[in-house]
N, C-alpha and C. Protein backbone atom coordinates (compact mmCIF):
# COMPACT_ATOMS: atom_id res chain seq x y z
N UNK A 1 -30.90 -1.63 -0.43
CA UNK A 1 -29.89 -1.91 0.57
C UNK A 1 -28.54 -1.53 -0.03
N UNK A 2 -27.96 -0.45 0.41
CA UNK A 2 -26.66 -0.05 -0.07
C UNK A 2 -25.63 -0.44 0.95
N UNK A 3 -24.59 -1.13 0.47
CA UNK A 3 -23.58 -1.65 1.39
C UNK A 3 -22.23 -1.22 0.88
N UNK A 4 -21.41 -0.63 1.68
CA UNK A 4 -20.04 -0.34 1.33
C UNK A 4 -19.16 -0.77 2.47
N UNK A 5 -17.87 -0.75 2.24
CA UNK A 5 -16.95 -1.19 3.28
C UNK A 5 -17.03 -0.21 4.44
N UNK A 6 -17.69 -0.61 5.47
CA UNK A 6 -17.83 0.22 6.66
C UNK A 6 -16.76 -0.20 7.65
N UNK A 7 -15.86 0.72 7.97
CA UNK A 7 -14.72 0.35 8.79
C UNK A 7 -14.74 0.98 10.15
N UNK A 8 -15.80 1.67 10.48
CA UNK A 8 -15.83 2.32 11.80
C UNK A 8 -15.73 1.31 12.92
N UNK A 9 -16.29 0.14 12.72
CA UNK A 9 -16.22 -0.87 13.77
C UNK A 9 -15.05 -1.81 13.57
N UNK A 10 -14.21 -1.48 12.63
CA UNK A 10 -13.09 -2.33 12.29
C UNK A 10 -12.16 -2.54 13.47
N UNK A 11 -11.88 -3.79 13.81
CA UNK A 11 -10.99 -4.06 14.94
C UNK A 11 -9.55 -3.65 14.66
N UNK A 12 -9.30 -3.06 13.52
CA UNK A 12 -7.95 -2.61 13.22
C UNK A 12 -7.55 -1.48 14.16
N UNK A 13 -8.51 -0.86 14.82
CA UNK A 13 -8.16 0.16 15.80
C UNK A 13 -7.29 -0.43 16.89
N UNK A 14 -7.38 -1.72 17.06
CA UNK A 14 -6.54 -2.41 18.04
C UNK A 14 -5.40 -3.12 17.34
N UNK A 15 -5.02 -2.62 16.19
CA UNK A 15 -4.05 -3.25 15.33
C UNK A 15 -2.74 -3.56 16.03
N UNK A 16 -2.24 -2.64 16.79
CA UNK A 16 -0.93 -2.82 17.39
C UNK A 16 -1.04 -2.61 18.89
N UNK A 17 -0.63 -3.59 19.63
CA UNK A 17 -0.60 -3.46 21.09
C UNK A 17 0.87 -3.47 21.50
N UNK A 18 1.60 -2.48 21.02
CA UNK A 18 3.03 -2.40 21.33
C UNK A 18 3.20 -2.11 22.81
N UNK A 19 4.17 -2.74 23.41
CA UNK A 19 4.38 -2.56 24.83
C UNK A 19 5.07 -1.25 25.12
N UNK A 20 4.66 -0.55 26.17
CA UNK A 20 5.31 0.71 26.52
C UNK A 20 6.79 0.54 26.83
N UNK A 21 7.21 -0.65 27.28
CA UNK A 21 8.62 -0.84 27.60
C UNK A 21 9.50 -0.69 26.37
N UNK A 22 8.97 -1.01 25.21
CA UNK A 22 9.73 -0.84 23.97
C UNK A 22 10.10 0.62 23.78
N UNK A 23 9.20 1.50 24.15
CA UNK A 23 9.44 2.92 23.96
C UNK A 23 10.08 3.56 25.18
N UNK A 24 10.00 2.90 26.30
CA UNK A 24 10.63 3.44 27.50
C UNK A 24 12.14 3.44 27.32
N UNK A 25 12.65 2.55 26.45
CA UNK A 25 14.08 2.48 26.20
C UNK A 25 14.57 3.65 25.35
N UNK A 26 13.67 4.28 24.60
CA UNK A 26 14.05 5.40 23.76
C UNK A 26 14.25 6.64 24.62
N UNK A 27 15.28 7.39 24.28
CA UNK A 27 15.48 8.66 24.96
C UNK A 27 14.52 9.67 24.35
N UNK A 28 14.07 10.60 25.16
CA UNK A 28 13.19 11.66 24.65
C UNK A 28 14.06 12.63 23.87
N UNK A 29 14.20 12.38 22.59
CA UNK A 29 15.15 13.13 21.77
C UNK A 29 14.49 14.18 20.89
N UNK A 30 13.25 14.48 21.11
CA UNK A 30 12.65 15.52 20.29
C UNK A 30 11.22 15.22 19.95
N UNK A 31 10.85 15.66 18.78
CA UNK A 31 9.47 15.57 18.33
C UNK A 31 9.03 14.11 18.15
N UNK A 32 7.79 13.91 18.40
CA UNK A 32 7.20 12.58 18.22
C UNK A 32 7.14 12.26 16.73
N UNK A 33 7.31 11.01 16.42
CA UNK A 33 7.20 10.55 15.03
C UNK A 33 5.76 10.10 14.81
N UNK A 34 5.12 10.75 13.85
CA UNK A 34 3.70 10.51 13.59
C UNK A 34 3.52 10.09 12.13
N UNK A 35 2.62 9.15 11.92
CA UNK A 35 2.30 8.69 10.57
C UNK A 35 0.80 8.46 10.47
N UNK A 36 0.31 8.39 9.26
CA UNK A 36 -1.10 8.07 9.04
C UNK A 36 -1.20 6.89 8.08
N UNK A 37 -2.27 6.15 8.23
CA UNK A 37 -2.59 5.07 7.31
C UNK A 37 -4.08 5.21 7.01
N UNK A 38 -4.43 5.21 5.74
CA UNK A 38 -5.83 5.21 5.35
C UNK A 38 -6.27 3.75 5.29
N UNK A 39 -6.78 3.25 6.39
CA UNK A 39 -7.11 1.83 6.52
C UNK A 39 -8.21 1.44 5.52
N UNK A 40 -9.14 2.33 5.28
CA UNK A 40 -10.20 2.03 4.33
C UNK A 40 -9.63 1.77 2.94
N UNK A 41 -8.65 2.58 2.52
CA UNK A 41 -8.02 2.37 1.22
C UNK A 41 -7.22 1.08 1.20
N UNK A 42 -6.53 0.77 2.29
CA UNK A 42 -5.76 -0.47 2.38
C UNK A 42 -6.70 -1.67 2.25
N UNK A 43 -7.81 -1.64 2.98
CA UNK A 43 -8.77 -2.75 2.93
C UNK A 43 -9.35 -2.88 1.53
N UNK A 44 -9.68 -1.76 0.90
CA UNK A 44 -10.27 -1.80 -0.44
C UNK A 44 -9.30 -2.39 -1.46
N UNK A 45 -8.01 -2.23 -1.25
CA UNK A 45 -7.01 -2.74 -2.19
C UNK A 45 -6.54 -4.15 -1.88
N UNK A 46 -6.81 -4.63 -0.67
CA UNK A 46 -6.42 -6.00 -0.31
C UNK A 46 -7.28 -6.98 -1.11
N UNK A 47 -6.72 -8.14 -1.44
CA UNK A 47 -7.50 -9.12 -2.22
C UNK A 47 -8.78 -9.51 -1.49
N UNK A 48 -8.70 -9.63 -0.15
CA UNK A 48 -9.90 -9.97 0.62
C UNK A 48 -10.93 -8.84 0.56
N UNK A 49 -10.45 -7.62 0.56
CA UNK A 49 -11.34 -6.46 0.48
C UNK A 49 -12.05 -6.39 -0.86
N UNK A 50 -11.31 -6.69 -1.91
CA UNK A 50 -11.93 -6.71 -3.25
C UNK A 50 -12.98 -7.80 -3.35
N UNK A 51 -12.66 -8.98 -2.81
CA UNK A 51 -13.62 -10.08 -2.82
C UNK A 51 -14.85 -9.72 -1.99
N UNK A 52 -14.63 -9.04 -0.86
CA UNK A 52 -15.75 -8.60 -0.03
C UNK A 52 -16.65 -7.63 -0.78
N UNK A 53 -16.05 -6.66 -1.47
CA UNK A 53 -16.83 -5.68 -2.23
C UNK A 53 -17.68 -6.38 -3.30
N UNK A 54 -17.11 -7.37 -3.96
CA UNK A 54 -17.87 -8.14 -4.96
C UNK A 54 -19.02 -8.90 -4.31
N UNK A 55 -18.74 -9.52 -3.17
CA UNK A 55 -19.77 -10.27 -2.45
C UNK A 55 -20.91 -9.34 -2.02
N UNK A 56 -20.57 -8.19 -1.47
CA UNK A 56 -21.59 -7.25 -1.03
C UNK A 56 -22.43 -6.75 -2.21
N UNK A 57 -21.78 -6.53 -3.34
CA UNK A 57 -22.51 -6.11 -4.54
C UNK A 57 -23.46 -7.20 -5.00
N UNK A 58 -22.99 -8.45 -4.95
CA UNK A 58 -23.83 -9.58 -5.35
C UNK A 58 -25.04 -9.70 -4.43
N UNK A 59 -24.82 -9.61 -3.13
CA UNK A 59 -25.91 -9.70 -2.16
C UNK A 59 -26.93 -8.58 -2.42
N UNK A 60 -26.42 -7.38 -2.66
CA UNK A 60 -27.31 -6.24 -2.90
C UNK A 60 -28.15 -6.47 -4.15
N UNK A 61 -27.52 -6.95 -5.21
CA UNK A 61 -28.24 -7.19 -6.47
C UNK A 61 -29.30 -8.27 -6.30
N UNK A 62 -28.91 -9.39 -5.68
CA UNK A 62 -29.87 -10.48 -5.47
C UNK A 62 -31.05 -10.03 -4.62
N UNK A 63 -30.76 -9.29 -3.57
CA UNK A 63 -31.82 -8.85 -2.66
C UNK A 63 -32.74 -7.86 -3.36
N UNK A 64 -32.15 -6.91 -4.08
CA UNK A 64 -32.96 -5.92 -4.80
C UNK A 64 -33.88 -6.61 -5.80
N UNK A 65 -33.37 -7.60 -6.52
CA UNK A 65 -34.18 -8.33 -7.50
C UNK A 65 -35.35 -9.03 -6.82
N UNK A 66 -35.08 -9.71 -5.72
CA UNK A 66 -36.15 -10.42 -4.99
C UNK A 66 -37.17 -9.45 -4.43
N UNK A 67 -36.71 -8.33 -3.89
CA UNK A 67 -37.64 -7.34 -3.32
C UNK A 67 -38.50 -6.70 -4.40
N UNK A 68 -37.90 -6.43 -5.54
CA UNK A 68 -38.67 -5.85 -6.65
C UNK A 68 -39.73 -6.84 -7.15
N UNK A 69 -39.37 -8.13 -7.19
CA UNK A 69 -40.33 -9.15 -7.60
C UNK A 69 -41.50 -9.20 -6.62
N UNK A 70 -41.20 -9.16 -5.33
CA UNK A 70 -42.27 -9.17 -4.33
C UNK A 70 -43.13 -7.91 -4.44
N UNK A 71 -42.51 -6.78 -4.67
CA UNK A 71 -43.27 -5.53 -4.82
C UNK A 71 -44.19 -5.62 -6.03
N UNK A 72 -43.73 -6.25 -7.11
CA UNK A 72 -44.57 -6.45 -8.28
C UNK A 72 -45.76 -7.34 -7.98
N UNK A 73 -45.52 -8.39 -7.19
CA UNK A 73 -46.62 -9.28 -6.80
C UNK A 73 -47.64 -8.55 -5.93
N UNK A 74 -47.14 -7.73 -5.01
CA UNK A 74 -48.04 -6.97 -4.15
C UNK A 74 -48.89 -6.03 -4.99
N UNK A 75 -48.28 -5.35 -5.93
CA UNK A 75 -49.02 -4.42 -6.78
C UNK A 75 -50.07 -5.16 -7.61
N UNK A 76 -49.71 -6.32 -8.13
CA UNK A 76 -50.66 -7.12 -8.91
C UNK A 76 -51.84 -7.55 -8.04
N UNK A 77 -51.55 -7.93 -6.80
CA UNK A 77 -52.64 -8.32 -5.88
C UNK A 77 -53.55 -7.13 -5.59
N UNK A 78 -52.96 -5.97 -5.38
CA UNK A 78 -53.77 -4.77 -5.10
C UNK A 78 -54.67 -4.44 -6.29
N UNK A 79 -54.14 -4.57 -7.48
CA UNK A 79 -54.95 -4.27 -8.67
C UNK A 79 -56.06 -5.31 -8.85
N UNK A 80 -55.78 -6.54 -8.46
CA UNK A 80 -56.79 -7.59 -8.61
C UNK A 80 -57.89 -7.47 -7.56
N UNK A 81 -57.70 -6.63 -6.57
CA UNK A 81 -58.68 -6.49 -5.48
C UNK A 81 -59.91 -5.70 -5.91
N UNK A 82 -59.80 -4.94 -6.97
CA UNK A 82 -60.93 -4.11 -7.40
C UNK A 82 -62.14 -4.99 -7.72
N UNK A 83 -63.27 -4.65 -7.12
CA UNK A 83 -64.53 -5.33 -7.39
C UNK A 83 -64.67 -6.69 -6.74
N UNK A 84 -63.80 -7.02 -5.81
CA UNK A 84 -63.86 -8.32 -5.14
C UNK A 84 -64.74 -8.23 -3.89
N UNK A 85 -65.23 -9.38 -3.48
CA UNK A 85 -66.04 -9.45 -2.28
C UNK A 85 -65.17 -9.45 -1.02
N UNK A 86 -65.81 -9.30 0.16
CA UNK A 86 -65.07 -9.22 1.42
C UNK A 86 -64.17 -10.42 1.69
N UNK A 87 -64.62 -11.62 1.39
CA UNK A 87 -63.80 -12.81 1.64
C UNK A 87 -62.56 -12.80 0.75
N UNK A 88 -62.75 -12.46 -0.51
CA UNK A 88 -61.62 -12.41 -1.44
C UNK A 88 -60.65 -11.28 -1.05
N UNK A 89 -61.19 -10.16 -0.59
CA UNK A 89 -60.34 -9.04 -0.15
C UNK A 89 -59.48 -9.44 1.05
N UNK A 90 -60.08 -10.17 1.98
CA UNK A 90 -59.31 -10.65 3.15
C UNK A 90 -58.19 -11.58 2.70
N UNK A 91 -58.49 -12.47 1.77
CA UNK A 91 -57.49 -13.39 1.25
C UNK A 91 -56.35 -12.63 0.57
N UNK A 92 -56.70 -11.64 -0.22
CA UNK A 92 -55.68 -10.83 -0.91
C UNK A 92 -54.84 -10.06 0.12
N UNK A 93 -55.51 -9.52 1.13
CA UNK A 93 -54.79 -8.79 2.17
C UNK A 93 -53.79 -9.71 2.89
N UNK A 94 -54.19 -10.95 3.18
CA UNK A 94 -53.28 -11.91 3.82
C UNK A 94 -52.09 -12.23 2.91
N UNK A 95 -52.36 -12.38 1.62
CA UNK A 95 -51.28 -12.64 0.67
C UNK A 95 -50.30 -11.46 0.62
N UNK A 96 -50.83 -10.26 0.63
CA UNK A 96 -49.99 -9.05 0.63
C UNK A 96 -49.13 -9.01 1.90
N UNK A 97 -49.75 -9.28 3.04
CA UNK A 97 -49.01 -9.28 4.31
C UNK A 97 -47.92 -10.35 4.31
N UNK A 98 -48.23 -11.53 3.75
CA UNK A 98 -47.22 -12.59 3.65
C UNK A 98 -46.04 -12.14 2.80
N UNK A 99 -46.33 -11.49 1.67
CA UNK A 99 -45.26 -11.00 0.79
C UNK A 99 -44.43 -9.91 1.48
N UNK A 100 -45.08 -9.06 2.26
CA UNK A 100 -44.35 -8.02 2.98
C UNK A 100 -43.44 -8.63 4.05
N UNK A 101 -43.93 -9.64 4.75
CA UNK A 101 -43.09 -10.33 5.74
C UNK A 101 -41.91 -11.03 5.06
N UNK A 102 -42.19 -11.65 3.93
CA UNK A 102 -41.12 -12.32 3.19
C UNK A 102 -40.07 -11.30 2.73
N UNK A 103 -40.50 -10.16 2.29
CA UNK A 103 -39.56 -9.11 1.86
C UNK A 103 -38.70 -8.65 3.03
N UNK A 104 -39.31 -8.48 4.18
CA UNK A 104 -38.56 -8.07 5.36
C UNK A 104 -37.54 -9.13 5.76
N UNK A 105 -37.98 -10.40 5.69
CA UNK A 105 -37.08 -11.50 6.01
C UNK A 105 -35.91 -11.55 5.03
N UNK A 106 -36.18 -11.38 3.75
CA UNK A 106 -35.12 -11.37 2.74
C UNK A 106 -34.10 -10.27 3.02
N UNK A 107 -34.59 -9.08 3.33
CA UNK A 107 -33.70 -7.96 3.61
C UNK A 107 -32.87 -8.23 4.87
N UNK A 108 -33.50 -8.75 5.91
CA UNK A 108 -32.78 -9.05 7.15
C UNK A 108 -31.72 -10.14 6.94
N UNK A 109 -32.09 -11.19 6.19
CA UNK A 109 -31.14 -12.27 5.91
C UNK A 109 -29.94 -11.74 5.13
N UNK A 110 -30.20 -10.92 4.14
CA UNK A 110 -29.11 -10.36 3.34
C UNK A 110 -28.21 -9.50 4.21
N UNK A 111 -28.79 -8.72 5.08
CA UNK A 111 -28.01 -7.87 5.98
C UNK A 111 -27.14 -8.71 6.91
N UNK A 112 -27.69 -9.77 7.45
CA UNK A 112 -26.91 -10.66 8.33
C UNK A 112 -25.77 -11.34 7.59
N UNK A 113 -26.06 -11.84 6.39
CA UNK A 113 -25.01 -12.49 5.60
C UNK A 113 -23.89 -11.51 5.27
N UNK A 114 -24.26 -10.32 4.88
CA UNK A 114 -23.27 -9.30 4.53
C UNK A 114 -22.43 -8.92 5.75
N UNK A 115 -23.08 -8.72 6.88
CA UNK A 115 -22.36 -8.32 8.09
C UNK A 115 -21.41 -9.43 8.55
N UNK A 116 -21.86 -10.67 8.47
CA UNK A 116 -21.01 -11.79 8.89
C UNK A 116 -19.79 -11.89 8.00
N UNK A 117 -20.00 -11.81 6.70
CA UNK A 117 -18.87 -11.90 5.75
C UNK A 117 -17.92 -10.72 5.93
N UNK A 118 -18.48 -9.54 6.17
CA UNK A 118 -17.63 -8.36 6.37
C UNK A 118 -16.78 -8.52 7.63
N UNK A 119 -17.37 -8.99 8.70
CA UNK A 119 -16.62 -9.19 9.94
C UNK A 119 -15.49 -10.20 9.76
N UNK A 120 -15.80 -11.32 9.11
CA UNK A 120 -14.79 -12.35 8.87
C UNK A 120 -13.65 -11.81 7.99
N UNK A 121 -14.01 -11.08 6.96
CA UNK A 121 -13.01 -10.55 6.03
C UNK A 121 -12.13 -9.52 6.71
N UNK A 122 -12.72 -8.63 7.47
CA UNK A 122 -11.94 -7.61 8.14
C UNK A 122 -11.01 -8.22 9.19
N UNK A 123 -11.43 -9.29 9.80
CA UNK A 123 -10.56 -9.99 10.75
C UNK A 123 -9.36 -10.59 10.01
N UNK A 124 -9.59 -11.18 8.84
CA UNK A 124 -8.49 -11.73 8.05
C UNK A 124 -7.50 -10.64 7.65
N UNK A 125 -8.01 -9.53 7.19
CA UNK A 125 -7.15 -8.42 6.79
C UNK A 125 -6.38 -7.89 8.00
N UNK A 126 -7.06 -7.78 9.11
CA UNK A 126 -6.42 -7.30 10.34
C UNK A 126 -5.23 -8.19 10.71
N UNK A 127 -5.42 -9.49 10.61
CA UNK A 127 -4.33 -10.42 10.94
C UNK A 127 -3.13 -10.23 10.01
N UNK A 128 -3.39 -9.90 8.75
CA UNK A 128 -2.29 -9.65 7.81
C UNK A 128 -1.64 -8.29 8.04
N UNK A 129 -2.43 -7.30 8.47
CA UNK A 129 -1.89 -5.96 8.65
C UNK A 129 -1.09 -5.78 9.93
N UNK A 130 -1.47 -6.50 10.97
CA UNK A 130 -0.81 -6.34 12.27
C UNK A 130 0.71 -6.42 12.18
N UNK A 131 1.29 -7.47 11.58
CA UNK A 131 2.76 -7.53 11.52
C UNK A 131 3.36 -6.46 10.60
N UNK A 132 2.62 -6.05 9.59
CA UNK A 132 3.13 -5.00 8.69
C UNK A 132 3.26 -3.68 9.45
N UNK A 133 2.23 -3.33 10.19
CA UNK A 133 2.26 -2.08 10.96
C UNK A 133 3.33 -2.17 12.04
N UNK A 134 3.44 -3.32 12.69
CA UNK A 134 4.47 -3.49 13.72
C UNK A 134 5.86 -3.33 13.11
N UNK A 135 6.07 -3.86 11.92
CA UNK A 135 7.36 -3.71 11.23
C UNK A 135 7.66 -2.24 10.95
N UNK A 136 6.65 -1.49 10.51
CA UNK A 136 6.84 -0.06 10.26
C UNK A 136 7.19 0.68 11.55
N UNK A 137 6.55 0.31 12.63
CA UNK A 137 6.85 0.93 13.93
C UNK A 137 8.29 0.63 14.33
N UNK A 138 8.68 -0.62 14.19
CA UNK A 138 10.04 -1.02 14.57
C UNK A 138 11.09 -0.34 13.70
N UNK A 139 10.84 -0.26 12.41
CA UNK A 139 11.81 0.33 11.48
C UNK A 139 11.92 1.84 11.62
N UNK A 140 10.80 2.50 11.94
CA UNK A 140 10.78 3.97 11.89
C UNK A 140 10.56 4.63 13.24
N UNK A 141 10.30 3.86 14.28
CA UNK A 141 10.12 4.41 15.62
C UNK A 141 8.93 5.33 15.76
N UNK A 142 7.84 5.01 15.11
CA UNK A 142 6.65 5.86 15.20
C UNK A 142 6.10 5.86 16.62
N UNK A 143 5.73 7.04 17.08
CA UNK A 143 5.10 7.18 18.39
C UNK A 143 3.58 7.18 18.25
N UNK A 144 3.09 7.58 17.09
CA UNK A 144 1.65 7.71 16.89
C UNK A 144 1.33 7.38 15.44
N UNK A 145 0.36 6.48 15.23
CA UNK A 145 -0.13 6.18 13.89
C UNK A 145 -1.63 6.39 13.90
N UNK A 146 -2.10 7.25 13.01
CA UNK A 146 -3.51 7.59 12.93
C UNK A 146 -4.15 6.92 11.72
N UNK A 147 -5.42 6.60 11.86
CA UNK A 147 -6.19 6.05 10.75
C UNK A 147 -6.82 7.23 10.03
N UNK A 148 -6.36 7.54 8.86
CA UNK A 148 -6.84 8.70 8.11
C UNK A 148 -8.29 8.56 7.67
N UNK A 149 -8.78 7.34 7.50
CA UNK A 149 -10.13 7.16 6.98
C UNK A 149 -11.21 7.43 8.02
N UNK A 150 -10.92 7.21 9.29
CA UNK A 150 -11.94 7.48 10.31
C UNK A 150 -11.43 8.35 11.44
N UNK A 151 -10.18 8.75 11.36
CA UNK A 151 -9.64 9.64 12.37
C UNK A 151 -9.28 8.96 13.68
N UNK A 152 -9.24 7.66 13.71
CA UNK A 152 -8.90 6.96 14.94
C UNK A 152 -7.41 6.74 15.08
N UNK A 153 -7.02 6.35 16.27
CA UNK A 153 -5.62 6.07 16.56
C UNK A 153 -5.37 4.58 16.37
N UNK A 154 -4.38 4.24 15.56
CA UNK A 154 -4.00 2.84 15.37
C UNK A 154 -2.94 2.42 16.37
N UNK A 155 -2.07 3.36 16.72
CA UNK A 155 -0.97 3.06 17.64
C UNK A 155 -0.56 4.35 18.32
N UNK A 156 -0.27 4.27 19.60
CA UNK A 156 0.28 5.41 20.34
C UNK A 156 1.29 4.89 21.33
N UNK A 157 2.49 5.46 21.30
CA UNK A 157 3.51 5.05 22.26
C UNK A 157 3.27 5.76 23.58
N UNK A 158 3.90 5.26 24.61
CA UNK A 158 3.78 5.88 25.93
C UNK A 158 4.33 7.30 25.90
N UNK A 159 5.24 7.56 25.00
CA UNK A 159 5.87 8.88 24.90
C UNK A 159 4.88 10.00 24.57
N UNK A 160 3.83 9.68 23.81
CA UNK A 160 2.87 10.72 23.42
C UNK A 160 1.56 10.61 24.20
N UNK A 161 1.47 9.67 25.12
CA UNK A 161 0.27 9.48 25.92
C UNK A 161 0.29 10.43 27.11
N UNK A 162 -0.61 11.38 27.10
CA UNK A 162 -0.68 12.39 28.16
C UNK A 162 -1.68 12.02 29.26
N UNK A 163 -2.24 10.85 29.21
CA UNK A 163 -3.29 10.47 30.14
C UNK A 163 -2.85 10.63 31.59
N UNK A 164 -1.73 10.06 31.96
CA UNK A 164 -1.28 10.13 33.35
C UNK A 164 -1.03 11.57 33.78
N UNK A 165 -0.44 12.37 32.90
CA UNK A 165 -0.18 13.78 33.22
C UNK A 165 -1.49 14.53 33.43
N UNK A 166 -2.48 14.28 32.60
CA UNK A 166 -3.79 14.92 32.74
C UNK A 166 -4.44 14.50 34.05
N UNK A 167 -4.33 13.22 34.42
CA UNK A 167 -4.89 12.73 35.68
C UNK A 167 -4.22 13.44 36.85
N UNK A 168 -2.91 13.54 36.81
CA UNK A 168 -2.17 14.23 37.88
C UNK A 168 -2.60 15.68 38.00
N UNK A 169 -2.74 16.36 36.87
CA UNK A 169 -3.16 17.77 36.88
C UNK A 169 -4.58 17.92 37.41
N UNK A 170 -5.45 17.00 37.01
CA UNK A 170 -6.83 17.02 37.48
C UNK A 170 -6.89 16.80 38.99
N UNK A 171 -6.11 15.84 39.48
CA UNK A 171 -6.08 15.58 40.93
C UNK A 171 -5.52 16.78 41.69
N UNK A 172 -4.50 17.42 41.14
CA UNK A 172 -3.94 18.62 41.77
C UNK A 172 -4.98 19.72 41.82
N UNK A 173 -5.74 19.86 40.74
CA UNK A 173 -6.80 20.86 40.69
C UNK A 173 -7.87 20.56 41.73
N UNK A 174 -8.24 19.28 41.85
CA UNK A 174 -9.24 18.88 42.83
C UNK A 174 -8.75 19.15 44.25
N UNK A 175 -7.48 18.86 44.51
CA UNK A 175 -6.91 19.11 45.84
C UNK A 175 -6.91 20.61 46.13
N UNK A 176 -6.57 21.40 45.12
CA UNK A 176 -6.56 22.85 45.29
C UNK A 176 -7.96 23.36 45.61
N UNK A 177 -8.95 22.83 44.90
CA UNK A 177 -10.34 23.24 45.12
C UNK A 177 -10.78 22.85 46.52
N UNK A 178 -10.42 21.63 46.96
CA UNK A 178 -10.78 21.17 48.30
C UNK A 178 -10.12 22.01 49.39
N UNK A 179 -8.86 22.36 49.20
CA UNK A 179 -8.15 23.16 50.21
C UNK A 179 -8.70 24.58 50.26
N UNK A 180 -9.18 25.09 49.16
CA UNK A 180 -9.78 26.44 49.14
C UNK A 180 -11.15 26.45 49.78
N UNK A 181 -11.82 25.31 49.83
CA UNK A 181 -13.15 25.23 50.41
C UNK A 181 -13.10 24.97 51.92
N UNK A 182 -11.96 24.53 52.45
CA UNK A 182 -11.89 24.24 53.89
C UNK A 182 -11.90 25.56 54.67
N UNK A 183 -12.66 25.58 55.78
CA UNK A 183 -12.76 26.83 56.57
C UNK A 183 -11.53 27.10 57.41
């Protein structure tokens, strides 16, 4: 079970919900101000991120040790099966199946514990980062902040949002197509 800081589902993508009215007050004076933040690097350097990495490593080590022990027991049971009668073979097979189920349960439990801790930790970091990013936006007037680690958008002002313009163009295109189709 290899576990690393997986940030694709990180709620930091919703880090800043700056209101468009804040940017509506700005005059369109030129190029958009764009910045990037490598959120994965920020999380890895935060004290909570470091503690999370240690916890995930500990979970991985404990789980690997338990799974290897179970695998050793299974192998020992298989070797002991040679020359046994049908009743003993059935008993050994049941023991092997029990060990396999236990191994699966151990892996699933470790995965759940790791995911829960990761979610909690990332939420804590998100709460600390939100005001920092907002401060940077306020100080520097950024229109767009990208997450360099996953390529997502952390913040976009109304000034760089082309959604409404694209909708208008699409509707105009649809109207043009409809008017060309009328007899």
